[in-house]
Amino acid sequence: MTSEQESLLVVEGLSKRYGDRTVLDRVSLRLAPRETLVAIGPSGSGKTTLLRCINRLETPDAGIVRLRGEAIGVDHRSAPLPEAALARQRSRIGFVFQRFNLFVHLSALENVAIGPQRVLGLSRAEALERARAELDRVHLADHLGKRPSQLSGGQQQRVAIARALAMRPELMLFDEPTSALDPELVQEVLDVMGELAQGGMTMIIVTHEMRFARQAADRVIFMDGGAIVEQGTPDALFDAPAEERTRRFLAHLGK
């Protein structure tokens, strides 16, 4: 566990309720620079809501998120930030969703370039150059001019990853990025994510791909009932889980 001074991300006491249902229950965690954290757990355990609260796509009911010491979504009085200030903060946090959310009328190159141009203020030439570099990074240099309908699901998800990377984020969040893919396309996306982890990108990944979690994660957290039940290195958590709920979950998966 990293100290707050060493942490890139600090989450303290994050809670979220929908009506009378508690989805996050006082979740706290710290993430060091260059660390890959994988979150596992049953559906409905709060994993996606945790990611969405980190970059303020959802507003938590309690708790605070800090990125390099800066509170996300609130000012020094804990008042909500204006939308422009929140957008600036969000540009520091890349988010890759289950669905690709690409613009169907734009090419892969244009889908990746649009954020740096419109949000970061790069010239069109600069944005296109950056987009080419990021698409090459995810092994799509030969598909720059193709629209989403001309790409496989795995290729579309890699475009979505390149789009997030083109914003030069300090933190990347992945919400089950392979869950909408056909089984034969999953590995190409996991390979790119593994390369990012090896390259030192700071990431939180929600996934059901346990083999990938074991290989790529520096630390794994198991969530259930809106809380972090257990965490540790992949070997410790998968081979010798301390908590009964973790053991039941892994046994259910046949791990």
Protein backbone atom coordinates (compact mmCIF):
# COMPACT_ATOMS: atom_id res chain seq x y z
CA MET A 1 0.00 0.00 0.00
CA THR A 2 1.43 3.37 -1.00
CA SER A 3 1.36 6.45 1.19
CA GLU A 4 -0.64 9.51 0.13
CA GLN A 5 2.54 11.40 -0.76
CA GLU A 6 3.67 8.59 -3.07
CA SER A 7 0.23 8.10 -4.62
CA LEU A 8 -0.95 9.29 -7.99
CA LEU A 9 -4.57 8.54 -7.02
CA VAL A 10 -6.12 8.65 -3.57
CA VAL A 11 -9.72 7.55 -2.95
CA GLU A 12 -11.06 8.12 0.57
CA GLY A 13 -14.39 6.95 1.96
CA LEU A 14 -16.20 6.85 -1.39
CA SER A 15 -19.89 6.03 -1.02
CA LYS A 16 -22.74 5.94 -3.52
CA ARG A 17 -26.39 5.05 -3.11
CA TYR A 18 -29.22 4.65 -5.60
CA GLY A 19 -32.41 4.98 -3.60
CA ASP A 20 -32.13 2.57 -0.69
CA ARG A 21 -29.39 0.50 -2.37
CA THR A 22 -25.79 1.12 -1.34
CA VAL A 23 -23.54 0.55 -4.38
CA LEU A 24 -20.29 1.83 -2.85
CA ASP A 25 -19.73 1.64 0.89
CA ARG A 26 -16.84 3.84 2.12
CA VAL A 27 -14.30 2.58 -0.41
CA SER A 28 -10.72 3.76 0.04
CA LEU A 29 -7.65 2.96 -2.02
CA ARG A 30 -4.37 4.42 -3.19
CA LEU A 31 -2.65 3.91 -6.50
CA ALA A 32 1.05 4.52 -7.09
CA PRO A 33 2.41 5.96 -10.33
CA ARG A 34 2.97 3.20 -12.94
CA GLU A 35 0.87 0.71 -10.94
CA THR A 36 -1.69 -1.56 -12.58
CA LEU A 37 -4.62 -2.33 -10.29
CA VAL A 38 -7.17 -4.94 -11.37
CA ALA A 39 -10.62 -5.01 -9.73
CA ILE A 40 -12.55 -8.27 -9.74
CA GLY A 41 -15.81 -9.34 -8.17
CA PRO A 42 -19.35 -10.42 -8.96
CA SER A 43 -21.70 -8.31 -11.06
CA GLY A 44 -23.23 -5.54 -8.98
CA SER A 45 -20.33 -5.39 -6.54
CA GLY A 46 -19.61 -1.70 -7.27
CA LYS A 47 -16.62 -1.99 -9.61
CA THR A 48 -18.05 0.08 -12.46
CA THR A 49 -19.51 2.65 -10.08
CA LEU A 50 -16.09 3.04 -8.47
CA LEU A 51 -14.55 3.90 -11.84
CA ARG A 52 -17.37 6.28 -12.73
CA CYS A 53 -17.05 8.08 -9.40
CA ILE A 54 -13.27 8.41 -9.80
CA ASN A 55 -13.66 10.54 -12.92
CA ARG A 56 -16.97 12.06 -11.78
CA LEU A 57 -19.23 10.51 -14.39
CA GLU A 58 -21.19 9.69 -11.22
CA THR A 59 -21.29 12.02 -8.24
CA PRO A 60 -20.49 10.17 -5.01
CA ASP A 61 -22.66 10.77 -1.96
CA ALA A 62 -19.61 10.91 0.29
CA GLY A 63 -15.87 10.70 0.05
CA ILE A 64 -13.15 12.36 -2.00
CA VAL A 65 -10.98 11.47 -4.99
CA ARG A 66 -7.61 13.15 -5.49
CA LEU A 67 -5.38 12.94 -8.55
CA ARG A 68 -1.85 14.10 -7.70
CA GLY A 69 -3.34 15.88 -4.69
CA GLU A 70 -6.06 17.74 -6.62
CA ALA A 71 -9.63 16.95 -5.61
CA ILE A 72 -11.69 15.70 -8.56
CA GLY A 73 -15.05 17.36 -9.13
CA VAL A 74 -15.04 19.75 -6.16
CA ASP A 75 -13.26 22.92 -5.14
CA HIS A 76 -11.53 23.70 -1.82
CA ARG A 77 -14.94 24.30 -0.19
CA SER A 78 -16.20 20.91 -1.47
CA ALA A 79 -18.55 22.71 -3.85
CA PRO A 80 -19.07 21.16 -7.31
CA LEU A 81 -16.68 22.43 -9.96
CA PRO A 82 -17.98 24.28 -13.03
CA GLU A 83 -18.32 22.02 -16.05
CA ALA A 84 -15.31 23.53 -17.84
CA ALA A 85 -13.05 22.86 -14.86
CA LEU A 86 -14.42 19.33 -14.50
CA ALA A 87 -13.80 18.68 -18.22
CA ARG A 88 -10.18 19.75 -17.74
CA GLN A 89 -9.81 17.28 -14.89
CA ARG A 90 -11.47 14.49 -16.85
CA SER A 91 -9.00 15.00 -19.68
CA ARG A 92 -6.32 13.75 -17.25
CA ILE A 93 -8.18 10.44 -16.78
CA GLY A 94 -8.70 8.17 -19.77
CA PHE A 95 -11.79 5.95 -19.71
CA VAL A 96 -12.35 2.89 -21.91
CA PHE A 97 -15.89 1.55 -21.72
CA GLN A 98 -17.46 -1.83 -22.48
CA ARG A 99 -18.93 -0.33 -25.64
CA PHE A 100 -16.64 1.49 -28.00
CA ASN A 101 -18.68 4.71 -28.42
CA LEU A 102 -16.91 5.68 -31.64
CA PHE A 103 -18.28 8.25 -34.07
CA VAL A 104 -19.65 6.08 -36.88
CA HIS A 105 -19.18 8.75 -39.57
CA LEU A 106 -15.49 9.33 -38.77
CA SER A 107 -12.44 7.27 -39.66
CA ALA A 108 -10.30 5.64 -36.98
CA LEU A 109 -7.79 8.46 -37.41
CA GLU A 110 -10.45 11.16 -37.05
CA ASN A 111 -12.02 9.42 -34.03
CA VAL A 112 -8.67 9.58 -32.21
CA ALA A 113 -7.74 13.11 -33.36
CA ILE A 114 -10.99 14.82 -32.41
CA GLY A 115 -10.34 14.94 -28.65
CA PRO A 116 -6.84 16.47 -28.78
CA GLN A 117 -8.06 19.00 -31.32
CA ARG A 118 -11.30 20.07 -29.64
CA VAL A 119 -10.46 19.60 -25.96
CA LEU A 120 -6.70 20.17 -25.80
CA GLY A 121 -6.60 22.81 -28.51
CA LEU A 122 -4.07 21.14 -30.78
CA SER A 123 -4.00 22.16 -34.42
CA ARG A 124 -5.55 19.70 -36.84
CA ALA A 125 -2.10 18.70 -38.10
CA GLU A 126 -0.81 18.14 -34.56
CA ALA A 127 -3.91 16.17 -33.58
CA LEU A 128 -3.68 13.94 -36.64
CA GLU A 129 0.02 13.30 -36.00
CA ARG A 130 -0.73 12.31 -32.42
CA ALA A 131 -3.62 10.12 -33.55
CA ARG A 132 -1.39 8.28 -36.02
CA ALA A 133 1.16 7.62 -33.27
CA GLU A 134 -1.45 6.25 -30.86
CA LEU A 135 -3.09 4.06 -33.50
CA ASP A 136 0.34 2.67 -34.32
CA ARG A 137 0.81 2.03 -30.59
CA VAL A 138 -2.28 -0.21 -30.58
CA HIS A 139 -1.21 -1.92 -33.84
CA LEU A 140 -3.73 -0.25 -36.14
CA ALA A 141 -1.41 1.74 -38.42
CA ASP A 142 -2.86 -0.06 -41.44
CA HIS A 143 -6.46 0.88 -40.61
CA LEU A 144 -6.31 4.67 -40.20
CA GLY A 145 -8.88 5.47 -42.88
CA LYS A 146 -11.45 2.86 -41.94
CA ARG A 147 -14.74 3.74 -40.30
CA PRO A 148 -15.99 1.72 -37.31
CA SER A 149 -18.30 -0.40 -39.49
CA GLN A 150 -15.23 -1.60 -41.41
CA LEU A 151 -13.42 -2.73 -38.26
CA SER A 152 -13.86 -5.78 -36.04
CA GLY A 153 -15.00 -5.34 -32.46
CA GLY A 154 -11.46 -5.84 -31.21
CA GLN A 155 -10.15 -3.23 -33.63
CA GLN A 156 -12.88 -0.79 -32.59
CA GLN A 157 -11.95 -1.25 -28.94
CA ARG A 158 -8.30 -0.62 -29.78
CA VAL A 159 -9.34 2.61 -31.52
CA ALA A 160 -11.16 3.55 -28.31
CA ILE A 161 -7.98 2.86 -26.32
CA ALA A 162 -5.94 4.97 -28.75
CA ARG A 163 -8.52 7.75 -28.43
CA ALA A 164 -8.10 7.78 -24.65
CA LEU A 165 -4.29 7.64 -24.90
CA ALA A 166 -4.22 10.57 -27.34
CA MET A 167 -5.37 12.83 -24.51
CA ARG A 168 -2.11 12.00 -22.68
CA PRO A 169 -3.91 10.92 -19.47
CA GLU A 170 -2.14 10.43 -16.16
CA LEU A 171 -4.50 7.56 -15.29
CA MET A 172 -6.37 5.06 -17.45
CA LEU A 173 -9.62 3.39 -16.36
CA PHE A 174 -10.90 0.28 -18.16
CA ASP A 175 -14.44 -0.95 -17.49
CA GLU A 176 -14.62 -4.57 -18.68
CA PRO A 177 -13.19 -3.58 -22.07
CA THR A 178 -13.47 -7.10 -23.53
CA SER A 179 -16.96 -8.03 -22.31
CA ALA A 180 -18.70 -6.98 -25.54
CA LEU A 181 -16.24 -8.82 -27.79
CA ASP A 182 -16.47 -12.19 -29.44
CA PRO A 183 -14.11 -14.63 -27.68
CA GLU A 184 -11.64 -14.77 -30.57
CA LEU A 185 -11.16 -10.98 -30.43
CA VAL A 186 -10.53 -10.67 -26.70
CA GLN A 187 -6.82 -11.45 -26.71
CA GLU A 188 -5.83 -8.68 -29.12
CA VAL A 189 -7.27 -6.10 -26.72
CA LEU A 190 -5.72 -7.76 -23.66
CA ASP A 191 -2.35 -7.79 -25.41
CA VAL A 192 -2.49 -4.02 -25.93
CA MET A 193 -3.47 -3.48 -22.29
CA GLY A 194 -0.62 -5.73 -21.19
CA GLU A 195 1.80 -3.65 -23.26
CA LEU A 196 0.50 -0.49 -21.59
CA ALA A 197 1.06 -2.06 -18.17
CA GLN A 198 4.60 -3.07 -19.09
CA GLY A 199 5.21 0.45 -20.38
CA GLY A 200 4.32 1.97 -17.03
CA MET A 201 0.86 3.39 -17.68
CA THR A 202 -1.03 3.84 -14.39
CA MET A 203 -4.26 1.88 -14.74
CA ILE A 204 -7.33 0.54 -12.95
CA ILE A 205 -8.89 -2.33 -14.87
CA VAL A 206 -12.24 -3.96 -14.13
CA THR A 207 -12.25 -7.36 -15.79
CA HIS A 208 -13.42 -10.96 -15.56
CA GLU A 209 -10.30 -12.13 -17.42
CA MET A 210 -8.53 -13.79 -14.50
CA ARG A 211 -5.52 -15.03 -16.46
CA PHE A 212 -4.89 -11.48 -17.65
CA ALA A 213 -5.30 -10.18 -14.08
CA ARG A 214 -2.69 -12.61 -12.82
CA GLN A 215 -0.23 -11.69 -15.56
CA ALA A 216 -0.68 -7.91 -15.80
CA ALA A 217 -1.68 -6.66 -12.35
CA ASP A 218 0.64 -5.35 -9.70
CA ARG A 219 -2.26 -5.60 -7.25
CA VAL A 220 -5.73 -7.14 -7.34
CA ILE A 221 -8.74 -6.02 -5.31
CA PHE A 222 -11.79 -8.20 -4.80
CA MET A 223 -15.02 -6.24 -4.39
CA ASP A 224 -18.36 -7.48 -3.10
CA GLY A 225 -21.36 -5.64 -1.71
CA GLY A 226 -19.91 -2.25 -2.59
CA ALA A 227 -16.73 -2.74 -0.55
CA ILE A 228 -13.17 -3.92 -1.04
CA VAL A 229 -13.21 -7.28 0.70
CA GLU A 230 -9.60 -8.25 0.04
CA GLN A 231 -6.56 -7.09 -1.87
CA GLY A 232 -3.05 -8.29 -2.55
CA THR A 233 -0.61 -9.40 -5.20
CA PRO A 234 -2.10 -11.60 -7.91
CA ASP A 235 -0.34 -14.70 -6.60
CA ALA A 236 -1.46 -14.07 -3.02
CA LEU A 237 -5.07 -13.31 -3.87
CA PHE A 238 -5.57 -16.07 -6.45
CA ASP A 239 -3.54 -18.81 -4.77
CA ALA A 240 -4.28 -18.15 -1.09
CA PRO A 241 -7.28 -15.84 -0.64
CA ALA A 242 -7.84 -14.93 3.00
CA GLU A 243 -11.57 -14.19 2.83
CA GLU A 244 -14.35 -16.73 2.36
CA ARG A 245 -16.20 -14.48 -0.10
CA THR A 246 -13.09 -14.29 -2.27
CA ARG A 247 -12.67 -18.07 -2.15
CA ARG A 248 -16.31 -18.62 -3.17
CA PHE A 249 -16.02 -16.20 -6.07
CA LEU A 250 -12.84 -17.76 -7.41
CA ALA A 251 -14.21 -21.28 -6.92
CA HIS A 252 -17.30 -20.29 -8.91
CA LEU A 253 -15.00 -19.25 -11.78
CA GLY A 254 -13.05 -22.48 -11.47
CA LYS A 255 -9.87 -20.68 -10.44
